[in-house]
Amino acid sequence: MIRKTMLVALLGLLLNACAGSPTEESTGQYVDNSAITTKVKSALFADPGTSGLSISVETYKGTVQLSGFAHTEAERNRAGTIARSVPGVVSVKNDIHLR
């Protein structure tokens, strides 16, 4: 009986450790956000109109934050458009600055 109680308690702790909170991602969200970041970064590299090396991408709970530098306003806007087109992106914060 004590073993069952301890096992249930241990499983509860392990499952709780994987859960997200308003300020922290769950394990699944972390994996999803990593995939979104990779897809956005790849799309920026593939697009000849953006400078993928100069743009940083971070994702938290589906919100993509772009930062870094662009040569023109058109490039900055293009990066935002590309990020929004990636499946799973909830919103985009475009903090890219012009050089």
PDB file of N, CA and C in Angstrom:
ATOM      1  N   MET A   1       0.816  -1.185   0.000  1.00  0.00           N
ATOM      2  CA  MET A   1       0.000   0.000   0.000  1.00  0.00           C
ATOM      3  C   MET A   1       0.866   1.258   0.000  1.00  0.00           C
ATOM      4  N   ILE A   2       1.888   1.256   0.846  1.00  0.00           N
ATOM      5  CA  ILE A   2       2.783   2.415   0.915  1.00  0.00           C
ATOM      6  C   ILE A   2       3.526   2.587  -0.404  1.00  0.00           C
ATOM      7  N   ARG A   3       3.924   1.467  -1.013  1.00  0.00           N
ATOM      8  CA  ARG A   3       4.625   1.539  -2.306  1.00  0.00           C
ATOM      9  C   ARG A   3       3.740   2.166  -3.380  1.00  0.00           C
ATOM     10  N   LYS A   4       2.464   1.780  -3.411  1.00  0.00           N
ATOM     11  CA  LYS A   4       1.541   2.336  -4.403  1.00  0.00           C
ATOM     12  C   LYS A   4       1.377   3.836  -4.190  1.00  0.00           C
ATOM     13  N   THR A   5       1.243   4.241  -2.956  1.00  0.00           N
ATOM     14  CA  THR A   5       1.085   5.662  -2.646  1.00  0.00           C
ATOM     15  C   THR A   5       2.316   6.442  -3.069  1.00  0.00           C
ATOM     16  N   MET A   6       3.496   5.885  -2.775  1.00  0.00           N
ATOM     17  CA  MET A   6       4.746   6.556  -3.152  1.00  0.00           C
ATOM     18  C   MET A   6       4.894   6.613  -4.667  1.00  0.00           C
ATOM     19  N   LEU A   7       4.513   5.533  -5.363  1.00  0.00           N
ATOM     20  CA  LEU A   7       4.597   5.504  -6.817  1.00  0.00           C
ATOM     21  C   LEU A   7       3.666   6.539  -7.441  1.00  0.00           C
ATOM     22  N   VAL A   8       2.458   6.632  -6.937  1.00  0.00           N
ATOM     23  CA  VAL A   8       1.498   7.621  -7.436  1.00  0.00           C
ATOM     24  C   VAL A   8       2.024   9.035  -7.185  1.00  0.00           C
ATOM     25  N   ALA A   9       2.586   9.273  -6.018  1.00  0.00           N
ATOM     26  CA  ALA A   9       3.132  10.590  -5.700  1.00  0.00           C
ATOM     27  C   ALA A   9       4.301  10.926  -6.613  1.00  0.00           C
ATOM     28  N   LEU A  10       5.176   9.953  -6.854  1.00  0.00           N
ATOM     29  CA  LEU A  10       6.328  10.179  -7.725  1.00  0.00           C
ATOM     30  C   LEU A  10       5.882  10.471  -9.152  1.00  0.00           C
ATOM     31  N   LEU A  11       4.915   9.710  -9.652  1.00  0.00           N
ATOM     32  CA  LEU A  11       4.401   9.964 -11.001  1.00  0.00           C
ATOM     33  C   LEU A  11       3.759  11.346 -11.099  1.00  0.00           C
ATOM     34  N   GLY A  12       3.050  11.748 -10.058  1.00  0.00           N
ATOM     35  CA  GLY A  12       2.446  13.076 -10.037  1.00  0.00           C
ATOM     36  C   GLY A  12       3.494  14.171 -10.101  1.00  0.00           C
ATOM     37  N   LEU A  13       4.586  13.998  -9.365  1.00  0.00           N
ATOM     38  CA  LEU A  13       5.664  14.985  -9.394  1.00  0.00           C
ATOM     39  C   LEU A  13       6.320  15.053 -10.764  1.00  0.00           C
ATOM     40  N   LEU A  14       6.565  13.885 -11.370  1.00  0.00           N
ATOM     41  CA  LEU A  14       7.195  13.858 -12.689  1.00  0.00           C
ATOM     42  C   LEU A  14       6.318  14.520 -13.744  1.00  0.00           C
ATOM     43  N   LEU A  15       5.031  14.225 -13.714  1.00  0.00           N
ATOM     44  CA  LEU A  15       4.124  14.834 -14.687  1.00  0.00           C
ATOM     45  C   LEU A  15       3.975  16.322 -14.457  1.00  0.00           C
ATOM     46  N   ASN A  16       3.978  16.733 -13.229  1.00  0.00           N
ATOM     47  CA  ASN A  16       3.872  18.148 -12.902  1.00  0.00           C
ATOM     48  C   ASN A  16       5.099  18.918 -13.376  1.00  0.00           C
ATOM     49  N   ALA A  17       6.254  18.272 -13.353  1.00  0.00           N
ATOM     50  CA  ALA A  17       7.492  18.922 -13.787  1.00  0.00           C
ATOM     51  C   ALA A  17       7.471  19.221 -15.280  1.00  0.00           C
ATOM     52  N   CYS A  18       6.694  18.494 -16.051  1.00  0.00           N
ATOM     53  CA  CYS A  18       6.617  18.702 -17.494  1.00  0.00           C
ATOM     54  C   CYS A  18       5.531  19.699 -17.889  1.00  0.00           C
ATOM     55  N   ALA A  19       4.728  20.128 -16.945  1.00  0.00           N
ATOM     56  CA  ALA A  19       3.624  21.036 -17.240  1.00  0.00           C
ATOM     57  C   ALA A  19       4.120  22.475 -17.345  1.00  0.00           C
ATOM     58  N   GLY A  20       3.464  23.244 -18.159  1.00  0.00           N
ATOM     59  CA  GLY A  20       3.812  24.651 -18.302  1.00  0.00           C
ATOM     60  C   GLY A  20       3.110  25.501 -17.266  1.00  0.00           C
ATOM     61  N   SER A  21       3.477  26.749 -17.239  1.00  0.00           N
ATOM     62  CA  SER A  21       2.833  27.717 -16.364  1.00  0.00           C
ATOM     63  C   SER A  21       2.745  29.022 -17.144  1.00  0.00           C
ATOM     64  N   PRO A  22       2.120  30.052 -16.586  1.00  0.00           N
ATOM     65  CA  PRO A  22       2.050  31.316 -17.323  1.00  0.00           C
ATOM     66  C   PRO A  22       3.425  31.906 -17.655  1.00  0.00           C
ATOM     67  N   THR A  23       4.437  31.561 -16.867  1.00  0.00           N
ATOM     68  CA  THR A  23       5.768  32.133 -17.111  1.00  0.00           C
ATOM     69  C   THR A  23       6.785  31.129 -17.632  1.00  0.00           C
ATOM     70  N   GLU A  24       6.427  29.847 -17.703  1.00  0.00           N
ATOM     71  CA  GLU A  24       7.348  28.816 -18.173  1.00  0.00           C
ATOM     72  C   GLU A  24       6.666  27.919 -19.189  1.00  0.00           C
ATOM     73  N   GLU A  25       7.465  27.436 -20.145  1.00  0.00           N
ATOM     74  CA  GLU A  25       6.949  26.535 -21.159  1.00  0.00           C
ATOM     75  C   GLU A  25       6.929  25.107 -20.639  1.00  0.00           C
ATOM     76  N   SER A  26       5.995  24.322 -21.144  1.00  0.00           N
ATOM     77  CA  SER A  26       6.031  22.889 -20.879  1.00  0.00           C
ATOM     78  C   SER A  26       7.071  22.285 -21.817  1.00  0.00           C
ATOM     79  N   THR A  27       7.390  21.026 -21.605  1.00  0.00           N
ATOM     80  CA  THR A  27       8.357  20.347 -22.470  1.00  0.00           C
ATOM     81  C   THR A  27       7.854  20.327 -23.908  1.00  0.00           C
ATOM     82  N   GLY A  28       6.577  20.043 -24.096  1.00  0.00           N
ATOM     83  CA  GLY A  28       6.000  20.016 -25.441  1.00  0.00           C
ATOM     84  C   GLY A  28       6.044  21.382 -26.105  1.00  0.00           C
ATOM     85  N   GLN A  29       5.746  22.431 -25.347  1.00  0.00           N
ATOM     86  CA  GLN A  29       5.806  23.788 -25.908  1.00  0.00           C
ATOM     87  C   GLN A  29       7.235  24.139 -26.302  1.00  0.00           C
ATOM     88  N   TYR A  30       8.200  23.736 -25.483  1.00  0.00           N
ATOM     89  CA  TYR A  30       9.603  24.011 -25.794  1.00  0.00           C
ATOM     90  C   TYR A  30       9.994  23.373 -27.128  1.00  0.00           C
ATOM     91  N   VAL A  31       9.596  22.121 -27.312  1.00  0.00           N
ATOM     92  CA  VAL A  31       9.905  21.424 -28.558  1.00  0.00           C
ATOM     93  C   VAL A  31       9.207  22.101 -29.730  1.00  0.00           C
ATOM     94  N   ASP A  32       7.924  22.443 -29.569  1.00  0.00           N
ATOM     95  CA  ASP A  32       7.179  23.120 -30.636  1.00  0.00           C
ATOM     96  C   ASP A  32       7.821  24.463 -30.980  1.00  0.00           C
ATOM     97  N   ASN A  33       8.190  25.228 -29.969  1.00  0.00           N
ATOM     98  CA  ASN A  33       8.801  26.535 -30.210  1.00  0.00           C
ATOM     99  C   ASN A  33      10.157  26.411 -30.872  1.00  0.00           C
ATOM    100  N   SER A  34      10.913  25.396 -30.514  1.00  0.00           N
ATOM    101  CA  SER A  34      12.209  25.165 -31.164  1.00  0.00           C
ATOM    102  C   SER A  34      12.021  24.856 -32.643  1.00  0.00           C
ATOM    103  N   ALA A  35      11.001  24.060 -32.945  1.00  0.00           N
ATOM    104  CA  ALA A  35      10.709  23.728 -34.346  1.00  0.00           C
ATOM    105  C   ALA A  35      10.287  24.974 -35.117  1.00  0.00           C
ATOM    106  N   ILE A  36       9.457  25.813 -34.509  1.00  0.00           N
ATOM    107  CA  ILE A  36       9.024  27.054 -35.163  1.00  0.00           C
ATOM    108  C   ILE A  36      10.228  27.951 -35.421  1.00  0.00           C
ATOM    109  N   THR A  37      11.093  28.100 -34.438  1.00  0.00           N
ATOM    110  CA  THR A  37      12.287  28.932 -34.595  1.00  0.00           C
ATOM    111  C   THR A  37      13.133  28.431 -35.760  1.00  0.00           C
ATOM    112  N   THR A  38      13.330  27.125 -35.843  1.00  0.00           N
ATOM    113  CA  THR A  38      14.131  26.536 -36.918  1.00  0.00           C
ATOM    114  C   THR A  38      13.489  26.783 -38.274  1.00  0.00           C
ATOM    115  N   LYS A  39      12.171  26.630 -38.363  1.00  0.00           N
ATOM    116  CA  LYS A  39      11.472  26.842 -39.634  1.00  0.00           C
ATOM    117  C   LYS A  39      11.550  28.302 -40.074  1.00  0.00           C
ATOM    118  N   VAL A  40      11.374  29.232 -39.131  1.00  0.00           N
ATOM    119  CA  VAL A  40      11.442  30.656 -39.480  1.00  0.00           C
ATOM    120  C   VAL A  40      12.862  31.007 -39.935  1.00  0.00           C
ATOM    121  N   LYS A  41      13.854  30.558 -39.181  1.00  0.00           N
ATOM    122  CA  LYS A  41      15.249  30.864 -39.527  1.00  0.00           C
ATOM    123  C   LYS A  41      15.590  30.289 -40.904  1.00  0.00           C
ATOM    124  N   SER A  42      15.155  29.053 -41.182  1.00  0.00           N
ATOM    125  CA  SER A  42      15.404  28.438 -42.487  1.00  0.00           C
ATOM    126  C   SER A  42      14.731  29.222 -43.611  1.00  0.00           C
ATOM    127  N   ALA A  43      13.518  29.669 -43.369  1.00  0.00           N
ATOM    128  CA  ALA A  43      12.799  30.444 -44.385  1.00  0.00           C
ATOM    129  C   ALA A  43      13.496  31.781 -44.645  1.00  0.00           C
ATOM    130  N   LEU A  44      14.037  32.400 -43.599  1.00  0.00           N
ATOM    131  CA  LEU A  44      14.763  33.661 -43.778  1.00  0.00           C
ATOM    132  C   LEU A  44      16.041  33.446 -44.579  1.00  0.00           C
ATOM    133  N   PHE A  45      16.744  32.346 -44.308  1.00  0.00           N
ATOM    134  CA  PHE A  45      17.961  32.030 -45.069  1.00  0.00           C
ATOM    135  C   PHE A  45      17.645  31.765 -46.533  1.00  0.00           C
ATOM    136  N   ALA A  46      16.526  31.084 -46.783  1.00  0.00           N
ATOM    137  CA  ALA A  46      16.162  30.699 -48.148  1.00  0.00           C
ATOM    138  C   ALA A  46      15.672  31.874 -48.986  1.00  0.00           C
ATOM    139  N   ASP A  47      15.192  32.919 -48.332  1.00  0.00           N
ATOM    140  CA  ASP A  47      14.645  34.059 -49.062  1.00  0.00           C
ATOM    141  C   ASP A  47      15.777  35.004 -49.492  1.00  0.00           C
ATOM    142  N   PRO A  48      15.895  35.280 -50.791  1.00  0.00           N
ATOM    143  CA  PRO A  48      16.968  36.162 -51.248  1.00  0.00           C
ATOM    144  C   PRO A  48      16.777  37.628 -50.833  1.00  0.00           C
ATOM    145  N   GLY A  49      15.568  37.970 -50.387  1.00  0.00           N
ATOM    146  CA  GLY A  49      15.284  39.345 -50.002  1.00  0.00           C
ATOM    147  C   GLY A  49      15.586  39.667 -48.552  1.00  0.00           C
ATOM    148  N   THR A  50      16.025  38.659 -47.797  1.00  0.00           N
ATOM    149  CA  THR A  50      16.351  38.906 -46.392  1.00  0.00           C
ATOM    150  C   THR A  50      17.765  38.431 -46.090  1.00  0.00           C
ATOM    151  N   SER A  51      18.349  39.054 -45.112  1.00  0.00           N
ATOM    152  CA  SER A  51      19.694  38.726 -44.673  1.00  0.00           C
ATOM    153  C   SER A  51      19.584  37.835 -43.432  1.00  0.00           C
ATOM    154  N   GLY A  52      19.454  36.529 -43.647  1.00  0.00           N
ATOM    155  CA  GLY A  52      19.220  35.582 -42.567  1.00  0.00           C
ATOM    156  C   GLY A  52      20.261  35.605 -41.467  1.00  0.00           C
ATOM    157  N   LEU A  53      21.507  35.897 -41.813  1.00  0.00           N
ATOM    158  CA  LEU A  53      22.571  35.914 -40.812  1.00  0.00           C
ATOM    159  C   LEU A  53      22.455  37.099 -39.855  1.00  0.00           C
ATOM    160  N   SER A  54      21.809  38.160 -40.286  1.00  0.00           N
ATOM    161  CA  SER A  54      21.701  39.368 -39.465  1.00  0.00           C
ATOM    162  C   SER A  54      20.433  39.422 -38.616  1.00  0.00           C
ATOM    163  N   ILE A  55      19.592  38.390 -38.739  1.00  0.00           N
ATOM    164  CA  ILE A  55      18.317  38.389 -38.029  1.00  0.00           C
ATOM    165  C   ILE A  55      18.278  37.226 -37.043  1.00  0.00           C
ATOM    166  N   SER A  56      17.999  37.541 -35.795  1.00  0.00           N
ATOM    167  CA  SER A  56      17.854  36.513 -34.759  1.00  0.00           C
ATOM    168  C   SER A  56      16.376  36.184 -34.586  1.00  0.00           C
ATOM    169  N   VAL A  57      16.103  34.934 -34.266  1.00  0.00           N
ATOM    170  CA  VAL A  57      14.731  34.470 -34.102  1.00  0.00           C
ATOM    171  C   VAL A  57      14.618  33.755 -32.763  1.00  0.00           C
ATOM    172  N   GLU A  58      13.632  34.141 -31.974  1.00  0.00           N
ATOM    173  CA  GLU A  58      13.314  33.457 -30.723  1.00  0.00           C
ATOM    174  C   GLU A  58      11.808  33.242 -30.687  1.00  0.00           C
ATOM    175  N   THR A  59      11.391  32.111 -30.138  1.00  0.00           N
ATOM    176  CA  THR A  59       9.970  31.803 -30.069  1.00  0.00           C
ATOM    177  C   THR A  59       9.600  31.405 -28.652  1.00  0.00           C
ATOM    178  N   TYR A  60       8.500  31.976 -28.155  1.00  0.00           N
ATOM    179  CA  TYR A  60       7.991  31.639 -26.832  1.00  0.00           C
ATOM    180  C   TYR A  60       6.474  31.541 -26.919  1.00  0.00           C
ATOM    181  N   LYS A  61       5.975  30.351 -26.665  1.00  0.00           N
ATOM    182  CA  LYS A  61       4.536  30.080 -26.710  1.00  0.00           C
ATOM    183  C   LYS A  61       3.906  30.534 -28.025  1.00  0.00           C
ATOM    184  N   GLY A  62       4.601  30.261 -29.133  1.00  0.00           N
ATOM    185  CA  GLY A  62       4.086  30.563 -30.458  1.00  0.00           C
ATOM    186  C   GLY A  62       4.321  31.982 -30.940  1.00  0.00           C
ATOM    187  N   THR A  63       4.814  32.848 -30.065  1.00  0.00           N
ATOM    188  CA  THR A  63       5.122  34.226 -30.466  1.00  0.00           C
ATOM    189  C   THR A  63       6.584  34.302 -30.895  1.00  0.00           C
ATOM    190  N   VAL A  64       6.789  34.707 -32.121  1.00  0.00           N
ATOM    191  CA  VAL A  64       8.138  34.817 -32.673  1.00  0.00           C
ATOM    192  C   VAL A  64       8.638  36.244 -32.495  1.00  0.00           C
ATOM    193  N   GLN A  65       9.842  36.369 -31.966  1.00  0.00           N
ATOM    194  CA  GLN A  65      10.465  37.688 -31.856  1.00  0.00           C
ATOM    195  C   GLN A  65      11.650  37.729 -32.807  1.00  0.00           C
ATOM    196  N   LEU A  66      11.596  38.697 -33.707  1.00  0.00           N
ATOM    197  CA  LEU A  66      12.689  38.929 -34.647  1.00  0.00           C
ATOM    198  C   LEU A  66      13.509  40.104 -34.143  1.00  0.00           C
ATOM    199  N   SER A  67      14.823  39.957 -34.160  1.00  0.00           N
ATOM    200  CA  SER A  67      15.696  41.056 -33.772  1.00  0.00           C
ATOM    201  C   SER A  67      16.931  41.025 -34.657  1.00  0.00           C
ATOM    202  N   GLY A  68      17.692  42.076 -34.612  1.00  0.00           N
ATOM    203  CA  GLY A  68      18.873  42.172 -35.449  1.00  0.00           C
ATOM    204  C   GLY A  68      18.777  43.381 -36.351  1.00  0.00           C
ATOM    205  N   PHE A  69      19.362  43.238 -37.550  1.00  0.00           N
ATOM    206  CA  PHE A  69      19.451  44.384 -38.441  1.00  0.00           C
ATOM    207  C   PHE A  69      19.041  44.032 -39.862  1.00  0.00           C
ATOM    208  N   ALA A  70      18.445  45.008 -40.531  1.00  0.00           N
ATOM    209  CA  ALA A  70      18.077  44.902 -41.944  1.00  0.00           C
ATOM    210  C   ALA A  70      18.616  46.136 -42.665  1.00  0.00           C
ATOM    211  N   HIS A  71      18.815  46.004 -43.965  1.00  0.00           N
ATOM    212  CA  HIS A  71      19.336  47.120 -44.757  1.00  0.00           C
ATOM    213  C   HIS A  71      18.247  48.113 -45.139  1.00  0.00           C
ATOM    214  N   THR A  72      17.010  47.611 -45.302  1.00  0.00           N
ATOM    215  CA  THR A  72      15.910  48.478 -45.731  1.00  0.00           C
ATOM    216  C   THR A  72      14.640  48.141 -44.949  1.00  0.00           C
ATOM    217  N   GLU A  73      13.689  49.050 -45.000  1.00  0.00           N
ATOM    218  CA  GLU A  73      12.387  48.813 -44.379  1.00  0.00           C
ATOM    219  C   GLU A  73      11.682  47.648 -45.071  1.00  0.00           C
ATOM    220  N   ALA A  74      11.874  47.513 -46.379  1.00  0.00           N
ATOM    221  CA  ALA A  74      11.261  46.412 -47.128  1.00  0.00           C
ATOM    222  C   ALA A  74      11.787  45.062 -46.636  1.00  0.00           C
ATOM    223  N   GLU A  75      13.091  44.985 -46.355  1.00  0.00           N
ATOM    224  CA  GLU A  75      13.668  43.744 -45.838  1.00  0.00           C
ATOM    225  C   GLU A  75      13.110  43.433 -44.450  1.00  0.00           C
ATOM    226  N   ARG A  76      12.987  44.459 -43.626  1.00  0.00           N
ATOM    227  CA  ARG A  76      12.429  44.296 -42.281  1.00  0.00           C
ATOM    228  C   ARG A  76      10.999  43.759 -42.365  1.00  0.00           C
ATOM    229  N   ASN A  77      10.184  44.369 -43.213  1.00  0.00           N
ATOM    230  CA  ASN A  77       8.802  43.941 -43.392  1.00  0.00           C
ATOM    231  C   ASN A  77       8.715  42.532 -43.978  1.00  0.00           C
ATOM    232  N   ARG A  78       9.606  42.225 -44.923  1.00  0.00           N
ATOM    233  CA  ARG A  78       9.628  40.893 -45.553  1.00  0.00           C
ATOM    234  C   ARG A  78       9.904  39.816 -44.499  1.00  0.00           C
ATOM    235  N   ALA A  79      10.834  40.080 -43.583  1.00  0.00           N
ATOM    236  CA  ALA A  79      11.156  39.122 -42.526  1.00  0.00           C
ATOM    237  C   ALA A  79       9.918  38.844 -41.657  1.00  0.00           C
ATOM    238  N   GLY A  80       9.166  39.883 -41.344  1.00  0.00           N
ATOM    239  CA  GLY A  80       7.938  39.703 -40.568  1.00  0.00           C
ATOM    240  C   GLY A  80       6.904  38.884 -41.311  1.00  0.00           C
ATOM    241  N   THR A  81       6.775  39.141 -42.599  1.00  0.00           N
ATOM    242  CA  THR A  81       5.829  38.396 -43.429  1.00  0.00           C
ATOM    243  C   THR A  81       6.212  36.922 -43.499  1.00  0.00           C
ATOM    244  N   ILE A  82       7.495  36.654 -43.667  1.00  0.00           N
ATOM    245  CA  ILE A  82       7.979  35.271 -43.718  1.00  0.00           C
ATOM    246  C   ILE A  82       7.681  34.567 -42.399  1.00  0.00           C
ATOM    247  N   ALA A  83       7.972  35.225 -41.287  1.00  0.00           N
ATOM    248  CA  ALA A  83       7.732  34.611 -39.970  1.00  0.00           C
ATOM    249  C   ALA A  83       6.252  34.299 -39.775  1.00  0.00           C
ATOM    250  N   ARG A  84       5.377  35.209 -40.177  1.00  0.00           N
ATOM    251  CA  ARG A  84       3.929  34.994 -40.015  1.00  0.00           C
ATOM    252  C   ARG A  84       3.426  33.826 -40.856  1.00  0.00           C
ATOM    253  N   SER A  85       4.121  33.507 -41.946  1.00  0.00           N
ATOM    254  CA  SER A  85       3.669  32.451 -42.851  1.00  0.00           C
ATOM    255  C   SER A  85       4.020  31.045 -42.356  1.00  0.00           C
ATOM    256  N   VAL A  86       4.837  30.944 -41.324  1.00  0.00           N
ATOM    257  CA  VAL A  86       5.247  29.634 -40.816  1.00  0.00           C
ATOM    258  C   VAL A  86       4.125  29.042 -39.959  1.00  0.00           C
ATOM    259  N   PRO A  87       3.745  27.803 -40.228  1.00  0.00           N
ATOM    260  CA  PRO A  87       2.697  27.158 -39.433  1.00  0.00           C
ATOM    261  C   PRO A  87       3.068  27.100 -37.948  1.00  0.00           C
ATOM    262  N   GLY A  88       2.107  27.404 -37.102  1.00  0.00           N
ATOM    263  CA  GLY A  88       2.326  27.368 -35.662  1.00  0.00           C
ATOM    264  C   GLY A  88       2.623  28.720 -35.047  1.00  0.00           C
ATOM    265  N   VAL A  89       2.942  29.703 -35.897  1.00  0.00           N
ATOM    266  CA  VAL A  89       3.235  31.044 -35.381  1.00  0.00           C
ATOM    267  C   VAL A  89       1.924  31.718 -34.996  1.00  0.00           C
ATOM    268  N   VAL A  90       1.857  32.164 -33.739  1.00  0.00           N
ATOM    269  CA  VAL A  90       0.662  32.830 -33.226  1.00  0.00           C
ATOM    270  C   VAL A  90       0.731  34.330 -33.502  1.00  0.00           C
ATOM    271  N   SER A  91       1.899  34.916 -33.257  1.00  0.00           N
ATOM    272  CA  SER A  91       2.103  36.344 -33.529  1.00  0.00           C
ATOM    273  C   SER A  91       3.590  36.593 -33.731  1.00  0.00           C
ATOM    274  N   VAL A  92       3.910  37.782 -34.249  1.00  0.00           N
ATOM    275  CA  VAL A  92       5.303  38.156 -34.521  1.00  0.00           C
ATOM    276  C   VAL A  92       5.583  39.522 -33.921  1.00  0.00           C
ATOM    277  N   LYS A  93       6.667  39.607 -33.176  1.00  0.00           N
ATOM    278  CA  LYS A  93       7.169  40.890 -32.683  1.00  0.00           C
ATOM    279  C   LYS A  93       8.400  41.209 -33.527  1.00  0.00           C
ATOM    280  N   ASN A  94       8.288  42.215 -34.356  1.00  0.00           N
ATOM    281  CA  ASN A  94       9.377  42.562 -35.259  1.00  0.00           C
ATOM    282  C   ASN A  94      10.217  43.688 -34.650  1.00  0.00           C
ATOM    283  N   ASP A  95      11.315  43.311 -34.015  1.00  0.00           N
ATOM    284  CA  ASP A  95      12.224  44.270 -33.390  1.00  0.00           C
ATOM    285  C   ASP A  95      13.500  44.452 -34.204  1.00  0.00           C
ATOM    286  N   ILE A  96      13.400  44.243 -35.510  1.00  0.00           N
ATOM    287  CA  ILE A  96      14.565  44.425 -36.387  1.00  0.00           C
ATOM    288  C   ILE A  96      14.790  45.914 -36.597  1.00  0.00           C
ATOM    289  N   HIS A  97      16.037  46.320 -36.472  1.00  0.00           N
ATOM    290  CA  HIS A  97      16.421  47.727 -36.669  1.00  0.00           C
ATOM    291  C   HIS A  97      17.090  47.903 -38.028  1.00  0.00           C
ATOM    292  N   LEU A  98      16.998  49.114 -38.545  1.00  0.00           N
ATOM    293  CA  LEU A  98      17.664  49.424 -39.813  1.00  0.00           C
ATOM    294  C   LEU A  98      19.089  49.851 -39.560  1.00  0.00           C
ATOM    295  N   ARG A  99      19.972  49.462 -40.443  1.00  0.00           N
ATOM    296  CA  ARG A  99      21.380  49.857 -40.327  1.00  0.00           C
ATOM    297  C   ARG A  99      21.563  51.246 -40.859  1.00  0.00           C
TER     298      ARG A  99
END
